[in-house]
C-alpha atoms as a PDB file:
ATOM      1  CA  MET A   1      21.175  -6.121   5.076  1.00  0.00           C
ATOM      2  CA  GLY A   2      18.710  -6.670   7.893  1.00  0.00           C
ATOM      3  CA  PRO A   3      14.921  -6.759   7.623  1.00  0.00           C
ATOM      4  CA  LEU A   4      13.399  -3.783   5.826  1.00  0.00           C
ATOM      5  CA  ASP A   5      11.406  -1.120   7.655  1.00  0.00           C
ATOM      6  CA  LEU A   6       7.674  -0.890   7.025  1.00  0.00           C
ATOM      7  CA  VAL A   7       6.304   2.491   5.937  1.00  0.00           C
ATOM      8  CA  VAL A   8       2.579   3.087   6.430  1.00  0.00           C
ATOM      9  CA  PRO A   9       0.794   6.310   5.385  1.00  0.00           C
ATOM     10  CA  VAL A  10      -2.137   6.812   7.777  1.00  0.00           C
ATOM     11  CA  ARG A  11      -5.008   9.232   7.279  1.00  0.00           C
ATOM     12  CA  GLU A  12      -6.470  11.307  10.098  1.00  0.00           C
ATOM     13  CA  GLY A  13      -9.106   9.562  12.225  1.00  0.00           C
ATOM     14  CA  ALA A  14      -9.276   8.269  15.773  1.00  0.00           C
ATOM     15  CA  VAL A  15     -10.616   4.786  14.971  1.00  0.00           C
ATOM     16  CA  ASN A  16      -8.644   2.566  12.612  1.00  0.00           C
ATOM     17  CA  GLU A  17      -9.319  -1.088  13.362  1.00  0.00           C
ATOM     18  CA  GLN A  18      -7.972  -2.125   9.977  1.00  0.00           C
ATOM     19  CA  LEU A  19      -4.573  -0.719  10.997  1.00  0.00           C
ATOM     20  CA  ARG A  20      -4.744  -2.627  14.281  1.00  0.00           C
ATOM     21  CA  TYR A  21      -5.171  -5.945  12.518  1.00  0.00           C
ATOM     22  CA  ALA A  22      -2.708  -5.045   9.783  1.00  0.00           C
ATOM     23  CA  LEU A  23      -0.073  -4.451  12.471  1.00  0.00           C
ATOM     24  CA  ARG A  24      -0.949  -7.771  14.093  1.00  0.00           C
ATOM     25  CA  SER A  25      -0.562  -9.541  10.758  1.00  0.00           C
ATOM     26  CA  TRP A  26       2.817  -7.938  10.066  1.00  0.00           C
ATOM     27  CA  ALA A  27       4.061  -8.696  13.579  1.00  0.00           C
ATOM     28  CA  ALA A  28       3.096 -12.338  13.106  1.00  0.00           C
ATOM     29  CA  HIS A  29       3.981 -12.997   9.475  1.00  0.00           C
ATOM     30  CA  LEU A  30       6.127 -10.326   7.790  1.00  0.00           C
ATOM     31  CA  PRO A  31       9.806 -10.017   8.749  1.00  0.00           C
ATOM     32  CA  HIS A  32      10.632  -6.327   9.189  1.00  0.00           C
ATOM     33  CA  GLY A  33      12.728  -3.781  11.025  1.00  0.00           C
ATOM     34  CA  ARG A  34      10.935  -0.738  12.379  1.00  0.00           C
ATOM     35  CA  VAL A  35       7.417   0.378  11.585  1.00  0.00           C
ATOM     36  CA  TRP A  36       7.064   3.988  10.436  1.00  0.00           C
ATOM     37  CA  ILE A  37       3.647   5.625  10.611  1.00  0.00           C
ATOM     38  CA  ILE A  38       3.622   8.587   8.223  1.00  0.00           C
ATOM     39  CA  GLY A  39       0.839  11.091   8.836  1.00  0.00           C
ATOM     40  CA  TYR A  40      -1.609  10.508  11.677  1.00  0.00           C
ATOM     41  CA  LEU A  41      -0.679   8.396  14.714  1.00  0.00           C
ATOM     42  CA  PRO A  42      -3.683   6.801  16.484  1.00  0.00           C
ATOM     43  CA  VAL A  43      -3.464   7.040  20.278  1.00  0.00           C
ATOM     44  CA  TRP A  44      -3.522   3.258  20.736  1.00  0.00           C
ATOM     45  CA  VAL A  45      -0.447   2.605  18.562  1.00  0.00           C
ATOM     46  CA  ALA A  46       2.822   1.853  20.389  1.00  0.00           C
ATOM     47  CA  GLY A  47       6.382   0.888  19.538  1.00  0.00           C
ATOM     48  CA  VAL A  48       6.559   2.592  16.145  1.00  0.00           C
ATOM     49  CA  ARG A  49       8.369   5.577  14.696  1.00  0.00           C
ATOM     50  CA  HIS A  50       6.186   8.504  13.649  1.00  0.00           C
ATOM     51  CA  VAL A  51       6.649  11.171  10.980  1.00  0.00           C
ATOM     52  CA  PRO A  52       3.804  13.737  11.084  1.00  0.00           C
ATOM     53  CA  THR A  53       2.777  15.125   7.715  1.00  0.00           C
ATOM     54  CA  GLU A  54       0.332  17.776   6.651  1.00  0.00           C
ATOM     55  CA  GLN A  55      -2.851  16.251   5.242  1.00  0.00           C
ATOM     56  CA  ALA A  56      -4.352  19.306   3.613  1.00  0.00           C
ATOM     57  CA  GLY A  57      -4.095  18.033   0.054  1.00  0.00           C
ATOM     58  CA  ARG A  58      -7.057  18.291  -2.274  1.00  0.00           C
ATOM     59  CA  THR A  59      -7.309  14.498  -2.472  1.00  0.00           C
ATOM     60  CA  LYS A  60      -6.124  11.398  -0.647  1.00  0.00           C
ATOM     61  CA  TYR A  61      -3.719  10.826  -3.535  1.00  0.00           C
ATOM     62  CA  VAL A  62      -1.920  14.106  -2.818  1.00  0.00           C
ATOM     63  CA  ASN A  63      -1.676  13.201   0.869  1.00  0.00           C
ATOM     64  CA  THR A  64      -0.310   9.709   0.290  1.00  0.00           C
ATOM     65  CA  THR A  65       2.202  10.964  -2.265  1.00  0.00           C
ATOM     66  CA  GLY A  66       3.433  13.475   0.316  1.00  0.00           C
ATOM     67  CA  ALA A  67       3.743  10.668   2.863  1.00  0.00           C
ATOM     68  CA  VAL A  68       5.794   8.500   0.517  1.00  0.00           C
ATOM     69  CA  ARG A  69       8.081  11.428  -0.288  1.00  0.00           C
ATOM     70  CA  ALA A  70       8.530  12.123   3.432  1.00  0.00           C
ATOM     71  CA  ALA A  71       9.552   8.513   4.025  1.00  0.00           C
ATOM     72  CA  CYS A  72      12.019   8.565   1.141  1.00  0.00           C
ATOM     73  CA  GLU A  73      13.584  11.784   2.434  1.00  0.00           C
ATOM     74  CA  HIS A  74      13.850  10.637   6.063  1.00  0.00           C
ATOM     75  CA  PRO A  75      17.434   9.565   6.784  1.00  0.00           C
ATOM     76  CA  GLU A  76      16.487   6.936   9.385  1.00  0.00           C
ATOM     77  CA  VAL A  77      14.004   4.989   7.266  1.00  0.00           C
ATOM     78  CA  SER A  78      15.712   1.937   5.783  1.00  0.00           C
ATOM     79  CA  ASP A  79      16.667   1.987   2.104  1.00  0.00           C
ATOM     80  CA  PRO A  80      14.926   0.081   0.639  1.00  0.00           C
ATOM     81  CA  PHE A  81      11.740  -0.153   2.694  1.00  0.00           C
ATOM     82  CA  LEU A  82       8.392  -1.913   2.351  1.00  0.00           C
ATOM     83  CA  LEU A  83       5.526   0.425   1.464  1.00  0.00           C
ATOM     84  CA  CYS A  84       2.226  -0.680   2.989  1.00  0.00           C
ATOM     85  CA  ASN A  85      -1.268   0.691   3.432  1.00  0.00           C
ATOM     86  CA  ASP A  86      -3.138   0.505   6.716  1.00  0.00           C
ATOM     87  CA  ASP A  87      -5.475  -2.114   5.252  1.00  0.00           C
ATOM     88  CA  PHE A  88      -2.879  -4.636   4.013  1.00  0.00           C
ATOM     89  CA  PHE A  89      -3.020  -7.986   5.818  1.00  0.00           C
ATOM     90  CA  VAL A  90      -0.357 -10.695   5.527  1.00  0.00           C
ATOM     91  CA  MET A  91      -2.244 -13.884   6.255  1.00  0.00           C
ATOM     92  CA  ARG A  92       0.544 -16.433   6.466  1.00  0.00           C
ATOM     93  CA  PRO A  93       4.276 -16.330   7.208  1.00  0.00           C
ATOM     94  CA  ILE A  94       6.584 -15.257   4.397  1.00  0.00           C
ATOM     95  CA  GLU A  95      10.367 -15.129   4.440  1.00  0.00           C
ATOM     96  CA  GLU A  96      10.711 -12.196   2.074  1.00  0.00           C
ATOM     97  CA  MET A  97       8.182 -10.009   0.282  1.00  0.00           C
ATOM     98  CA  PRO A  98       8.080 -10.954  -3.420  1.00  0.00           C
ATOM     99  CA  VAL A  99       7.758  -8.397  -6.212  1.00  0.00           C
ATOM    100  CA  LEU A 100       4.194  -8.561  -7.508  1.00  0.00           C
ATOM    101  CA  HIS A 101       2.344  -6.717 -10.264  1.00  0.00           C
ATOM    102  CA  ARG A 102      -1.179  -6.664 -11.702  1.00  0.00           C
ATOM    103  CA  GLY A 103      -0.366  -7.167 -15.361  1.00  0.00           C
ATOM    104  CA  PRO A 104      -0.336  -4.624 -18.205  1.00  0.00           C
ATOM    105  CA  VAL A 105      -1.809  -1.209 -17.432  1.00  0.00           C
ATOM    106  CA  CYS A 106      -3.974  -1.501 -20.549  1.00  0.00           C
ATOM    107  CA  GLU A 107      -5.807  -4.469 -19.027  1.00  0.00           C
ATOM    108  CA  VAL A 108      -6.274  -2.754 -15.680  1.00  0.00           C
ATOM    109  CA  GLU A 109      -7.542   0.311 -17.532  1.00  0.00           C
ATOM    110  CA  ALA A 110     -10.226  -1.760 -19.246  1.00  0.00           C
ATOM    111  CA  TYR A 111     -11.400  -3.065 -15.864  1.00  0.00           C
ATOM    112  CA  TYR A 112     -11.754   0.405 -14.325  1.00  0.00           C
ATOM    113  CA  ALA A 113     -13.259   1.888 -17.487  1.00  0.00           C
ATOM    114  CA  SER A 114     -16.087  -0.650 -17.152  1.00  0.00           C
ATOM    115  CA  ARG A 115     -16.719   0.628 -13.598  1.00  0.00           C
ATOM    116  CA  GLY A 116     -16.650   4.331 -14.515  1.00  0.00           C
ATOM    117  CA  ASN A 117     -14.017   5.191 -11.886  1.00  0.00           C
ATOM    118  CA  GLY A 118     -13.367   8.924 -12.423  1.00  0.00           C
ATOM    119  CA  SER A 119     -10.233  10.394 -10.835  1.00  0.00           C
ATOM    120  CA  TYR A 120      -8.502   7.030 -10.345  1.00  0.00           C
ATOM    121  CA  LEU A 121      -9.023   6.091 -13.987  1.00  0.00           C
ATOM    122  CA  ARG A 122      -7.834   9.507 -15.143  1.00  0.00           C
ATOM    123  CA  GLY A 123      -4.703   9.116 -13.046  1.00  0.00           C
ATOM    124  CA  LEU A 124      -4.097   5.646 -14.462  1.00  0.00           C
ATOM    125  CA  ARG A 125      -4.297   6.970 -18.011  1.00  0.00           C
ATOM    126  CA  GLU A 126      -2.106   9.983 -17.323  1.00  0.00           C
ATOM    127  CA  THR A 127       0.498   7.820 -15.592  1.00  0.00           C
ATOM    128  CA  ARG A 128       0.430   5.349 -18.502  1.00  0.00           C
ATOM    129  CA  ASP A 129       0.799   8.126 -21.060  1.00  0.00           C
ATOM    130  CA  LEU A 130       3.768   9.574 -19.195  1.00  0.00           C
ATOM    131  CA  LEU A 131       5.453   6.171 -18.977  1.00  0.00           C
ATOM    132  CA  VAL A 132       4.941   5.692 -22.722  1.00  0.00           C
ATOM    133  CA  GLU A 133       6.570   9.093 -23.320  1.00  0.00           C
ATOM    134  CA  LEU A 134       9.489   7.931 -21.180  1.00  0.00           C
ATOM    135  CA  GLY A 135       9.993   4.818 -23.291  1.00  0.00           C
ATOM    136  CA  HIS A 136       7.834   2.207 -21.548  1.00  0.00           C
ATOM    137  CA  ALA A 137       5.517   1.219 -24.394  1.00  0.00           C
ATOM    138  CA  ASP A 138       3.504  -1.398 -22.485  1.00  0.00           C
ATOM    139  CA  PRO A 139       3.908  -0.617 -18.777  1.00  0.00           C
ATOM    140  CA  LEU A 140       2.886  -2.930 -15.959  1.00  0.00           C
ATOM    141  CA  SER A 141       0.520  -1.926 -13.184  1.00  0.00           C
ATOM    142  CA  TYR A 142       1.847  -2.179  -9.631  1.00  0.00           C
ATOM    143  CA  GLU A 143      -1.374  -0.860  -8.071  1.00  0.00           C
ATOM    144  CA  LEU A 144      -1.875  -3.928  -5.908  1.00  0.00           C
ATOM    145  CA  HIS A 145      -2.986  -3.938  -2.282  1.00  0.00           C
ATOM    146  CA  VAL A 146       0.140  -5.732  -1.081  1.00  0.00           C
ATOM    147  CA  PRO A 147       3.453  -4.463   0.360  1.00  0.00           C
ATOM    148  CA  LEU A 148       5.929  -3.119  -2.210  1.00  0.00           C
ATOM    149  CA  LYS A 149       9.705  -2.966  -1.822  1.00  0.00           C
ATOM    150  CA  VAL A 150      10.770   0.621  -2.509  1.00  0.00           C
ATOM    151  CA  GLY A 151      14.201   2.080  -3.184  1.00  0.00           C
ATOM    152  CA  LYS A 152      14.315   5.687  -2.034  1.00  0.00           C
ATOM    153  CA  ALA A 153      16.187   7.312  -4.929  1.00  0.00           C
ATOM    154  CA  ALA A 154      14.152   5.504  -7.570  1.00  0.00           C
ATOM    155  CA  MET A 155      10.852   6.395  -5.907  1.00  0.00           C
ATOM    156  CA  LEU A 156      11.858  10.049  -5.552  1.00  0.00           C
ATOM    157  CA  GLY A 157      12.780  10.024  -9.238  1.00  0.00           C
ATOM    158  CA  ALA A 158       9.377   8.564 -10.096  1.00  0.00           C
ATOM    159  CA  LEU A 159       7.560  11.155  -7.986  1.00  0.00           C
ATOM    160  CA  ASP A 160       9.571  13.950  -9.573  1.00  0.00           C
ATOM    161  CA  ALA A 161       8.846  12.644 -13.072  1.00  0.00           C
ATOM    162  CA  GLY A 162       5.125  12.646 -12.328  1.00  0.00           C
ATOM    163  CA  ARG A 163       5.058  15.773 -10.193  1.00  0.00           C
ATOM    164  CA  HIS A 164       2.707  17.524 -12.637  1.00  0.00           C
ATOM    165  CA  LEU A 165       0.085  14.749 -12.481  1.00  0.00           C
ATOM    166  CA  ASP A 166      -2.905  15.369 -10.233  1.00  0.00           C
ATOM    167  CA  VAL A 167      -3.423  11.663  -9.462  1.00  0.00           C
ATOM    168  CA  ILE A 168      -0.120   9.892 -10.023  1.00  0.00           C
ATOM    169  CA  HIS A 169      -0.146   6.094  -9.785  1.00  0.00           C
ATOM    170  CA  LYS A 170       3.092   6.178  -7.878  1.00  0.00           C
ATOM    171  CA  ARG A 171       3.588   2.435  -7.459  1.00  0.00           C
ATOM    172  CA  THR A 172       3.189   1.944 -11.216  1.00  0.00           C
ATOM    173  CA  MET A 173       5.418   4.912 -12.023  1.00  0.00           C
ATOM    174  CA  TYR A 174       8.102   3.599  -9.689  1.00  0.00           C
ATOM    175  CA  GLY A 175       7.824  -0.056 -10.668  1.00  0.00           C
ATOM    176  CA  ASN A 176       8.283   0.617 -14.374  1.00  0.00           C
ATOM    177  CA  LEU A 177      11.014   3.243 -14.080  1.00  0.00           C
ATOM    178  CA  ALA A 178      12.901   0.970 -11.675  1.00  0.00           C
ATOM    179  CA  GLY A 179      12.417  -2.082 -13.919  1.00  0.00           C
ATOM    180  CA  LEU A 180      11.051  -4.201 -11.087  1.00  0.00           C
ATOM    181  CA  GLY A 181       9.452  -6.943 -13.175  1.00  0.00           C
ATOM    182  CA  GLY A 182       7.958  -9.484 -10.802  1.00  0.00           C
ATOM    183  CA  GLU A 183       5.131 -12.015 -10.707  1.00  0.00           C
ATOM    184  CA  ARG A 184       1.587 -11.280 -11.843  1.00  0.00           C
ATOM    185  CA  ILE A 185      -1.320 -11.767  -9.435  1.00  0.00           C
ATOM    186  CA  ASP A 186      -4.912 -10.580  -9.223  1.00  0.00           C
ATOM    187  CA  ASP A 187      -5.540  -7.783  -6.771  1.00  0.00           C
ATOM    188  CA  VAL A 188      -6.467  -8.999  -3.279  1.00  0.00           C
ATOM    189  CA  LYS A 189      -8.804  -6.138  -2.304  1.00  0.00           C
ATOM    190  CA  VAL A 190     -12.170  -7.418  -1.024  1.00  0.00           C
ATOM    191  CA  MET A 191     -14.902  -4.824  -1.501  1.00  0.00           C
ATOM    192  CA  HIS A 192     -18.006  -6.706  -0.376  1.00  0.00           C
ATOM    193  CA  ARG A 193     -19.532  -8.425   2.671  1.00  0.00           C
ATOM    194  CA  MET A 194     -20.201 -11.743   0.985  1.00  0.00           C
ATOM    195  CA  PRO A 195     -18.362 -14.969   1.860  1.00  0.00           C
ATOM    196  CA  ARG A 196     -16.805 -15.104  -1.615  1.00  0.00           C
ATOM    197  CA  PHE A 197     -13.175 -14.104  -1.143  1.00  0.00           C
ATOM    198  CA  PRO A 198      -9.805 -15.905  -1.513  1.00  0.00           C
ATOM    199  CA  ALA A 199      -9.536 -17.217   2.049  1.00  0.00           C
ATOM    200  CA  ASP A 200      -6.346 -19.121   1.181  1.00  0.00           C
ATOM    201  CA  SER A 201      -4.563 -16.014  -0.162  1.00  0.00           C
ATOM    202  CA  PRO A 202      -1.334 -15.007   1.631  1.00  0.00           C
ATOM    203  CA  PHE A 203      -2.404 -11.368   1.254  1.00  0.00           C
ATOM    204  CA  LEU A 204      -5.742  -9.638   1.779  1.00  0.00           C
ATOM    205  CA  SER A 205      -7.016  -6.063   1.829  1.00  0.00           C
ATOM    206  CA  THR A 206     -10.465  -4.688   2.573  1.00  0.00           C
ATOM    207  CA  LEU A 207     -12.744  -1.728   2.267  1.00  0.00           C
ATOM    208  CA  PRO A 208     -13.862  -0.432   5.701  1.00  0.00           C
ATOM    209  CA  ASP A 209     -17.389  -1.840   5.368  1.00  0.00           C
ATOM    210  CA  ALA A 210     -16.128  -5.238   4.219  1.00  0.00           C
ATOM    211  CA  PHE A 211     -13.755  -5.330   7.187  1.00  0.00           C
ATOM    212  CA  THR A 212     -16.364  -4.244   9.748  1.00  0.00           C
ATOM    213  CA  ASN A 213     -19.401  -6.121   8.482  1.00  0.00           C
ATOM    214  CA  GLY A 214     -18.232  -8.692   5.966  1.00  0.00           C
ATOM    215  CA  ALA A 215     -17.086 -12.282   6.004  1.00  0.00           C
ATOM    216  CA  VAL A 216     -13.544 -11.238   5.105  1.00  0.00           C
ATOM    217  CA  GLY A 217     -13.320  -9.002   8.191  1.00  0.00           C
ATOM    218  CA  HIS A 218     -14.465 -11.858  10.419  1.00  0.00           C
ATOM    219  CA  HIS A 219     -11.841 -14.082   8.799  1.00  0.00           C
ATOM    220  CA  ILE A 220      -9.062 -11.549   9.463  1.00  0.00           C
ATOM    221  CA  ARG A 221     -10.101 -10.803  13.060  1.00  0.00           C
ATOM    222  CA  ARG A 222     -10.324 -14.507  13.832  1.00  0.00           C
ATOM    223  CA  ALA A 223      -6.801 -15.022  12.434  1.00  0.00           C
ATOM    224  CA  PHE A 224      -5.247 -12.406  14.756  1.00  0.00           C
ATOM    225  CA  PRO A 225      -7.151 -12.358  18.072  1.00  0.00           C
ATOM    226  CA  GLN A 226      -4.192 -11.360  20.243  1.00  0.00           C
ATOM    227  CA  ALA A 227      -2.773  -7.845  20.663  1.00  0.00           C
ATOM    228  CA  CYS A 228       0.758  -7.329  19.349  1.00  0.00           C
ATOM    229  CA  ALA A 229       3.723  -5.216  20.403  1.00  0.00           C
ATOM    230  CA  TYR A 230       2.394  -2.268  18.372  1.00  0.00           C
ATOM    231  CA  GLU A 231      -0.671  -1.792  20.598  1.00  0.00           C
ATOM    232  CA  ARG A 232      -0.800   0.004  23.934  1.00  0.00           C
ATOM    233  CA  ARG A 233      -1.955  -2.067  26.855  1.00  0.00           C
ATOM    234  CA  ARG A 234      -5.534  -1.295  27.736  1.00  0.00           C
END
């Protein structure tokens, strides 16, 4: 099997500098086949495949779930593929994407409960409860901001199993039903402007403000100053 395709759900919006630098990081460091943008295609993006999707869902979770389903149902997307977000940065070369998880859902739940995160926390609990009903007594969380290797049939099965959930944690649903296992890491999302972040991490992700105005964004932009094959010439 050759390199896996990258699948990237992208929300509507003309400016997406995080996607620009994510593409640069993947071009430099992550072996892959084609790049599939699912949803909105920014005008500056080149050299990718595009699958438009309707983004009229009540929440971003509905939209991204629709994008993942569209990728799984598309016959030309590789099986398996690597599921990415438009703010995932691969900061050093890797030969193959490892399987990574965040530890037991119960521990992740305690973290978000302390922050009072409403719909996300509700979705976490509902996804956990469903997995327990399906025989996974102590499920792992796969809600990390890193690429995830996805088998199409198993992901479609996970989405179907959680179809009734308003905010399904689809990575966690898939990872447990598919028995992925993997290595535990802390999440790599940087949510602040301060210079405290894991600069030696092979993976990073950012909130828009942290990317635009924070030390982590400066670090990422400095790492990838050159345009890649996925950008139109200006």
